[in-house]
Amino acid sequence: MPTTIKEEARRIVDALPDEATWEDLMYRLYVREAVEQGMADSDAGRTRPTSDVRARLGLSRPATGDAA
């Protein structure tokens, strides 16, 4: 796994198809950062149970067998 941001950025760029747009690149960088931040939050114990989040947002539980 790459160890620096530059190495990871190169890996992301190299994985894009030749016809990729700037928007494609920006989206992948955004998703990568969001995942890293979520992992850091989880590691630091900054998480909430899904049921609490769903209740706060006024979402009902999905029917049995439906994806959350």
PDB file of N, CA and C in Angstrom:
ATOM      1  N   MET A   1       0.854  -1.183   0.000  1.00  0.00           N
ATOM      2  CA  MET A   1       0.000   0.000   0.000  1.00  0.00           C
ATOM      3  C   MET A   1       0.895   1.240   0.000  1.00  0.00           C
ATOM      4  N   PRO A   2       0.537   2.240  -0.802  1.00  0.00           N
ATOM      5  CA  PRO A   2       1.337   3.459  -0.839  1.00  0.00           C
ATOM      6  C   PRO A   2       1.430   4.098   0.546  1.00  0.00           C
ATOM      7  N   THR A   3       2.548   4.748   0.801  1.00  0.00           N
ATOM      8  CA  THR A   3       2.759   5.318   2.122  1.00  0.00           C
ATOM      9  C   THR A   3       2.660   6.835   2.149  1.00  0.00           C
ATOM     10  N   THR A   4       2.705   7.487   1.003  1.00  0.00           N
ATOM     11  CA  THR A   4       2.576   8.942   0.981  1.00  0.00           C
ATOM     12  C   THR A   4       1.364   9.351   0.165  1.00  0.00           C
ATOM     13  N   ILE A   5       0.928  10.578   0.366  1.00  0.00           N
ATOM     14  CA  ILE A   5      -0.207  11.088  -0.402  1.00  0.00           C
ATOM     15  C   ILE A   5       0.128  11.110  -1.887  1.00  0.00           C
ATOM     16  N   LYS A   6       1.351  11.502  -2.233  1.00  0.00           N
ATOM     17  CA  LYS A   6       1.736  11.536  -3.648  1.00  0.00           C
ATOM     18  C   LYS A   6       1.656  10.143  -4.266  1.00  0.00           C
ATOM     19  N   GLU A   7       2.115   9.136  -3.541  1.00  0.00           N
ATOM     20  CA  GLU A   7       2.060   7.766  -4.067  1.00  0.00           C
ATOM     21  C   GLU A   7       0.613   7.311  -4.235  1.00  0.00           C
ATOM     22  N   GLU A   8      -0.223   7.636  -3.260  1.00  0.00           N
ATOM     23  CA  GLU A   8      -1.634   7.246  -3.348  1.00  0.00           C
ATOM     24  C   GLU A   8      -2.324   7.994  -4.484  1.00  0.00           C
ATOM     25  N   ALA A   9      -2.008   9.268  -4.661  1.00  0.00           N
ATOM     26  CA  ALA A   9      -2.592  10.044  -5.758  1.00  0.00           C
ATOM     27  C   ALA A   9      -2.190   9.442  -7.104  1.00  0.00           C
ATOM     28  N   ARG A  10      -0.940   9.053  -7.233  1.00  0.00           N
ATOM     29  CA  ARG A  10      -0.489   8.415  -8.480  1.00  0.00           C
ATOM     30  C   ARG A  10      -1.238   7.104  -8.725  1.00  0.00           C
ATOM     31  N   ARG A  11      -1.435   6.338  -7.655  1.00  0.00           N
ATOM     32  CA  ARG A  11      -2.152   5.068  -7.794  1.00  0.00           C
ATOM     33  C   ARG A  11      -3.577   5.322  -8.272  1.00  0.00           C
ATOM     34  N   ILE A  12      -4.227   6.330  -7.706  1.00  0.00           N
ATOM     35  CA  ILE A  12      -5.604   6.660  -8.097  1.00  0.00           C
ATOM     36  C   ILE A  12      -5.639   7.113  -9.557  1.00  0.00           C
ATOM     37  N   VAL A  13      -4.723   7.987  -9.945  1.00  0.00           N
ATOM     38  CA  VAL A  13      -4.675   8.466 -11.329  1.00  0.00           C
ATOM     39  C   VAL A  13      -4.398   7.311 -12.278  1.00  0.00           C
ATOM     40  N   ASP A  14      -3.452   6.456 -11.938  1.00  0.00           N
ATOM     41  CA  ASP A  14      -3.116   5.317 -12.801  1.00  0.00           C
ATOM     42  C   ASP A  14      -4.282   4.345 -12.962  1.00  0.00           C
ATOM     43  N   ALA A  15      -5.173   4.291 -11.962  1.00  0.00           N
ATOM     44  CA  ALA A  15      -6.309   3.365 -12.024  1.00  0.00           C
ATOM     45  C   ALA A  15      -7.468   3.913 -12.863  1.00  0.00           C
ATOM     46  N   LEU A  16      -7.429   5.197 -13.189  1.00  0.00           N
ATOM     47  CA  LEU A  16      -8.499   5.789 -14.001  1.00  0.00           C
ATOM     48  C   LEU A  16      -8.406   5.311 -15.443  1.00  0.00           C
ATOM     49  N   PRO A  17      -9.549   5.155 -16.090  1.00  0.00           N
ATOM     50  CA  PRO A  17      -9.505   4.839 -17.521  1.00  0.00           C
ATOM     51  C   PRO A  17      -8.978   6.037 -18.300  1.00  0.00           C
ATOM     52  N   ASP A  18      -8.461   5.797 -19.481  1.00  0.00           N
ATOM     53  CA  ASP A  18      -7.888   6.867 -20.298  1.00  0.00           C
ATOM     54  C   ASP A  18      -8.890   7.975 -20.613  1.00  0.00           C
ATOM     55  N   GLU A  19     -10.159   7.649 -20.684  1.00  0.00           N
ATOM     56  CA  GLU A  19     -11.179   8.646 -21.027  1.00  0.00           C
ATOM     57  C   GLU A  19     -11.764   9.335 -19.787  1.00  0.00           C
ATOM     58  N   ALA A  20     -11.128   9.182 -18.636  1.00  0.00           N
ATOM     59  CA  ALA A  20     -11.628   9.791 -17.402  1.00  0.00           C
ATOM     60  C   ALA A  20     -11.625  11.306 -17.503  1.00  0.00           C
ATOM     61  N   THR A  21     -12.535  11.911 -16.764  1.00  0.00           N
ATOM     62  CA  THR A  21     -12.644  13.371 -16.725  1.00  0.00           C
ATOM     63  C   THR A  21     -12.056  13.888 -15.417  1.00  0.00           C
ATOM     64  N   TRP A  22     -11.893  15.211 -15.342  1.00  0.00           N
ATOM     65  CA  TRP A  22     -11.464  15.813 -14.082  1.00  0.00           C
ATOM     66  C   TRP A  22     -12.474  15.484 -12.991  1.00  0.00           C
ATOM     67  N   GLU A  23     -13.759  15.475 -13.357  1.00  0.00           N
ATOM     68  CA  GLU A  23     -14.800  15.151 -12.379  1.00  0.00           C
ATOM     69  C   GLU A  23     -14.624  13.735 -11.837  1.00  0.00           C
ATOM     70  N   ASP A  24     -14.265  12.781 -12.694  1.00  0.00           N
ATOM     71  CA  ASP A  24     -14.007  11.410 -12.248  1.00  0.00           C
ATOM     72  C   ASP A  24     -12.873  11.382 -11.223  1.00  0.00           C
ATOM     73  N   LEU A  25     -11.809  12.107 -11.529  1.00  0.00           N
ATOM     74  CA  LEU A  25     -10.668  12.147 -10.615  1.00  0.00           C
ATOM     75  C   LEU A  25     -11.057  12.793  -9.292  1.00  0.00           C
ATOM     76  N   MET A  26     -11.732  13.916  -9.349  1.00  0.00           N
ATOM     77  CA  MET A  26     -12.121  14.614  -8.121  1.00  0.00           C
ATOM     78  C   MET A  26     -13.041  13.750  -7.259  1.00  0.00           C
ATOM     79  N   TYR A  27     -13.951  13.026  -7.900  1.00  0.00           N
ATOM     80  CA  TYR A  27     -14.852  12.152  -7.150  1.00  0.00           C
ATOM     81  C   TYR A  27     -14.065  11.063  -6.425  1.00  0.00           C
ATOM     82  N   ARG A  28     -13.133  10.441  -7.118  1.00  0.00           N
ATOM     83  CA  ARG A  28     -12.350   9.369  -6.491  1.00  0.00           C
ATOM     84  C   ARG A  28     -11.489   9.900  -5.345  1.00  0.00           C
ATOM     85  N   LEU A  29     -10.942  11.099  -5.520  1.00  0.00           N
ATOM     86  CA  LEU A  29     -10.171  11.696  -4.429  1.00  0.00           C
ATOM     87  C   LEU A  29     -11.080  12.021  -3.237  1.00  0.00           C
ATOM     88  N   TYR A  30     -12.261  12.545  -3.517  1.00  0.00           N
ATOM     89  CA  TYR A  30     -13.230  12.849  -2.463  1.00  0.00           C
ATOM     90  C   TYR A  30     -13.620  11.591  -1.695  1.00  0.00           C
ATOM     91  N   VAL A  31     -13.933  10.525  -2.415  1.00  0.00           N
ATOM     92  CA  VAL A  31     -14.338   9.275  -1.769  1.00  0.00           C
ATOM     93  C   VAL A  31     -13.189   8.727  -0.921  1.00  0.00           C
ATOM     94  N   ARG A  32     -11.991   8.762  -1.451  1.00  0.00           N
ATOM     95  CA  ARG A  32     -10.830   8.271  -0.707  1.00  0.00           C
ATOM     96  C   ARG A  32     -10.672   9.029   0.612  1.00  0.00           C
ATOM     97  N   GLU A  33     -10.763  10.367   0.560  1.00  0.00           N
ATOM     98  CA  GLU A  33     -10.634  11.182   1.767  1.00  0.00           C
ATOM     99  C   GLU A  33     -11.767  10.892   2.750  1.00  0.00           C
ATOM    100  N   ALA A  34     -12.986  10.756   2.247  1.00  0.00           N
ATOM    101  CA  ALA A  34     -14.130  10.472   3.117  1.00  0.00           C
ATOM    102  C   ALA A  34     -13.962   9.128   3.825  1.00  0.00           C
ATOM    103  N   VAL A  35     -13.480   8.129   3.109  1.00  0.00           N
ATOM    104  CA  VAL A  35     -13.259   6.809   3.718  1.00  0.00           C
ATOM    105  C   VAL A  35     -12.164   6.901   4.780  1.00  0.00           C
ATOM    106  N   GLU A  36     -11.067   7.581   4.462  1.00  0.00           N
ATOM    107  CA  GLU A  36      -9.985   7.727   5.439  1.00  0.00           C
ATOM    108  C   GLU A  36     -10.466   8.450   6.686  1.00  0.00           C
ATOM    109  N   GLN A  37     -11.264   9.510   6.521  1.00  0.00           N
ATOM    110  CA  GLN A  37     -11.786  10.235   7.678  1.00  0.00           C
ATOM    111  C   GLN A  37     -12.726   9.347   8.489  1.00  0.00           C
ATOM    112  N   GLY A  38     -13.558   8.585   7.822  1.00  0.00           N
ATOM    113  CA  GLY A  38     -14.456   7.672   8.526  1.00  0.00           C
ATOM    114  C   GLY A  38     -13.698   6.612   9.307  1.00  0.00           C
ATOM    115  N   MET A  39     -12.636   6.093   8.710  1.00  0.00           N
ATOM    116  CA  MET A  39     -11.817   5.088   9.412  1.00  0.00           C
ATOM    117  C   MET A  39     -11.144   5.717  10.638  1.00  0.00           C
ATOM    118  N   ALA A  40     -10.649   6.952  10.497  1.00  0.00           N
ATOM    119  CA  ALA A  40     -10.016   7.631  11.633  1.00  0.00           C
ATOM    120  C   ALA A  40     -11.036   7.883  12.738  1.00  0.00           C
ATOM    121  N   ASP A  41     -12.246   8.297  12.362  1.00  0.00           N
ATOM    122  CA  ASP A  41     -13.301   8.492  13.355  1.00  0.00           C
ATOM    123  C   ASP A  41     -13.628   7.192  14.070  1.00  0.00           C
ATOM    124  N   SER A  42     -13.730   6.120  13.329  1.00  0.00           N
ATOM    125  CA  SER A  42     -14.023   4.816  13.920  1.00  0.00           C
ATOM    126  C   SER A  42     -12.909   4.390  14.874  1.00  0.00           C
ATOM    127  N   ASP A  43     -11.661   4.537  14.435  1.00  0.00           N
ATOM    128  CA  ASP A  43     -10.527   4.174  15.282  1.00  0.00           C
ATOM    129  C   ASP A  43     -10.500   4.976  16.577  1.00  0.00           C
ATOM    130  N   ALA A  44     -10.973   6.235  16.509  1.00  0.00           N
ATOM    131  CA  ALA A  44     -10.976   7.113  17.676  1.00  0.00           C
ATOM    132  C   ALA A  44     -12.247   6.961  18.517  1.00  0.00           C
ATOM    133  N   GLY A  45     -13.128   6.049  18.105  1.00  0.00           N
ATOM    134  CA  GLY A  45     -14.355   5.819  18.865  1.00  0.00           C
ATOM    135  C   GLY A  45     -15.442   6.846  18.617  1.00  0.00           C
ATOM    136  N   ARG A  46     -15.298   7.628  17.558  1.00  0.00           N
ATOM    137  CA  ARG A  46     -16.309   8.642  17.236  1.00  0.00           C
ATOM    138  C   ARG A  46     -17.349   8.045  16.289  1.00  0.00           C
ATOM    139  N   THR A  47     -18.136   7.126  16.817  1.00  0.00           N
ATOM    140  CA  THR A  47     -19.167   6.460  16.024  1.00  0.00           C
ATOM    141  C   THR A  47     -20.481   6.475  16.795  1.00  0.00           C
ATOM    142  N   ARG A  48     -21.548   6.224  16.081  1.00  0.00           N
ATOM    143  CA  ARG A  48     -22.876   6.115  16.684  1.00  0.00           C
ATOM    144  C   ARG A  48     -23.558   4.884  16.109  1.00  0.00           C
ATOM    145  N   PRO A  49     -24.392   4.245  16.904  1.00  0.00           N
ATOM    146  CA  PRO A  49     -25.139   3.098  16.370  1.00  0.00           C
ATOM    147  C   PRO A  49     -26.045   3.541  15.216  1.00  0.00           C
ATOM    148  N   THR A  50     -26.183   2.678  14.231  1.00  0.00           N
ATOM    149  CA  THR A  50     -27.028   2.977  13.076  1.00  0.00           C
ATOM    150  C   THR A  50     -28.441   3.333  13.517  1.00  0.00           C
ATOM    151  N   SER A  51     -28.959   2.636  14.510  1.00  0.00           N
ATOM    152  CA  SER A  51     -30.328   2.907  14.973  1.00  0.00           C
ATOM    153  C   SER A  51     -30.465   4.343  15.486  1.00  0.00           C
ATOM    154  N   ASP A  52     -29.433   4.868  16.163  1.00  0.00           N
ATOM    155  CA  ASP A  52     -29.485   6.253  16.638  1.00  0.00           C
ATOM    156  C   ASP A  52     -29.489   7.240  15.480  1.00  0.00           C
ATOM    157  N   VAL A  53     -28.679   6.989  14.490  1.00  0.00           N
ATOM    158  CA  VAL A  53     -28.621   7.875  13.319  1.00  0.00           C
ATOM    159  C   VAL A  53     -29.938   7.843  12.566  1.00  0.00           C
ATOM    160  N   ARG A  54     -30.473   6.648  12.362  1.00  0.00           N
ATOM    161  CA  ARG A  54     -31.750   6.526  11.651  1.00  0.00           C
ATOM    162  C   ARG A  54     -32.853   7.275  12.405  1.00  0.00           C
ATOM    163  N   ALA A  55     -32.873   7.147  13.735  1.00  0.00           N
ATOM    164  CA  ALA A  55     -33.897   7.830  14.529  1.00  0.00           C
ATOM    165  C   ALA A  55     -33.731   9.347  14.433  1.00  0.00           C
ATOM    166  N   ARG A  56     -32.498   9.815  14.496  1.00  0.00           N
ATOM    167  CA  ARG A  56     -32.239  11.252  14.417  1.00  0.00           C
ATOM    168  C   ARG A  56     -32.680  11.822  13.074  1.00  0.00           C
ATOM    169  N   LEU A  57     -32.531  11.036  11.996  1.00  0.00           N
ATOM    170  CA  LEU A  57     -32.909  11.493  10.667  1.00  0.00           C
ATOM    171  C   LEU A  57     -34.372  11.179  10.317  1.00  0.00           C
ATOM    172  N   GLY A  58     -35.063  10.547  11.243  1.00  0.00           N
ATOM    173  CA  GLY A  58     -36.474  10.221  11.018  1.00  0.00           C
ATOM    174  C   GLY A  58     -36.675   9.122  10.008  1.00  0.00           C
ATOM    175  N   LEU A  59     -35.730   8.206   9.918  1.00  0.00           N
ATOM    176  CA  LEU A  59     -35.834   7.099   8.959  1.00  0.00           C
ATOM    177  C   LEU A  59     -36.367   5.863   9.657  1.00  0.00           C
ATOM    178  N   SER A  60     -37.268   5.190   8.990  1.00  0.00           N
ATOM    179  CA  SER A  60     -37.779   3.941   9.556  1.00  0.00           C
ATOM    180  C   SER A  60     -36.863   2.805   9.153  1.00  0.00           C
ATOM    181  N   ARG A  61     -36.964   1.715   9.848  1.00  0.00           N
ATOM    182  CA  ARG A  61     -36.158   0.537   9.535  1.00  0.00           C
ATOM    183  C   ARG A  61     -36.592  -0.018   8.193  1.00  0.00           C
ATOM    184  N   PRO A  62     -35.653  -0.495   7.373  1.00  0.00           N
ATOM    185  CA  PRO A  62     -36.038  -1.112   6.095  1.00  0.00           C
ATOM    186  C   PRO A  62     -36.757  -2.426   6.354  1.00  0.00           C
ATOM    187  N   ALA A  63     -37.581  -2.807   5.416  1.00  0.00           N
ATOM    188  CA  ALA A  63     -38.275  -4.095   5.509  1.00  0.00           C
ATOM    189  C   ALA A  63     -37.264  -5.221   5.536  1.00  0.00           C
ATOM    190  N   THR A  64     -37.619  -6.338   6.147  1.00  0.00           N
ATOM    191  CA  THR A  64     -36.723  -7.487   6.235  1.00  0.00           C
ATOM    192  C   THR A  64     -36.273  -7.886   4.840  1.00  0.00           C
ATOM    193  N   GLY A  65     -34.962  -8.073   4.687  1.00  0.00           N
ATOM    194  CA  GLY A  65     -34.409  -8.469   3.402  1.00  0.00           C
ATOM    195  C   GLY A  65     -33.959  -7.313   2.539  1.00  0.00           C
ATOM    196  N   ASP A  66     -34.358  -6.077   2.899  1.00  0.00           N
ATOM    197  CA  ASP A  66     -33.920  -4.898   2.145  1.00  0.00           C
ATOM    198  C   ASP A  66     -32.547  -4.468   2.632  1.00  0.00           C
ATOM    199  N   ALA A  67     -31.794  -3.885   1.730  1.00  0.00           N
ATOM    200  CA  ALA A  67     -30.469  -3.350   2.105  1.00  0.00           C
ATOM    201  C   ALA A  67     -30.672  -2.081   2.919  1.00  0.00           C
ATOM    202  N   ALA A  68     -29.788  -1.862   3.874  1.00  0.00           N
ATOM    203  CA  ALA A  68     -29.882  -0.661   4.719  1.00  0.00           C
ATOM    204  C   ALA A  68     -29.418   0.568   3.971  1.00  0.00           C
TER     205      ALA A  68
END
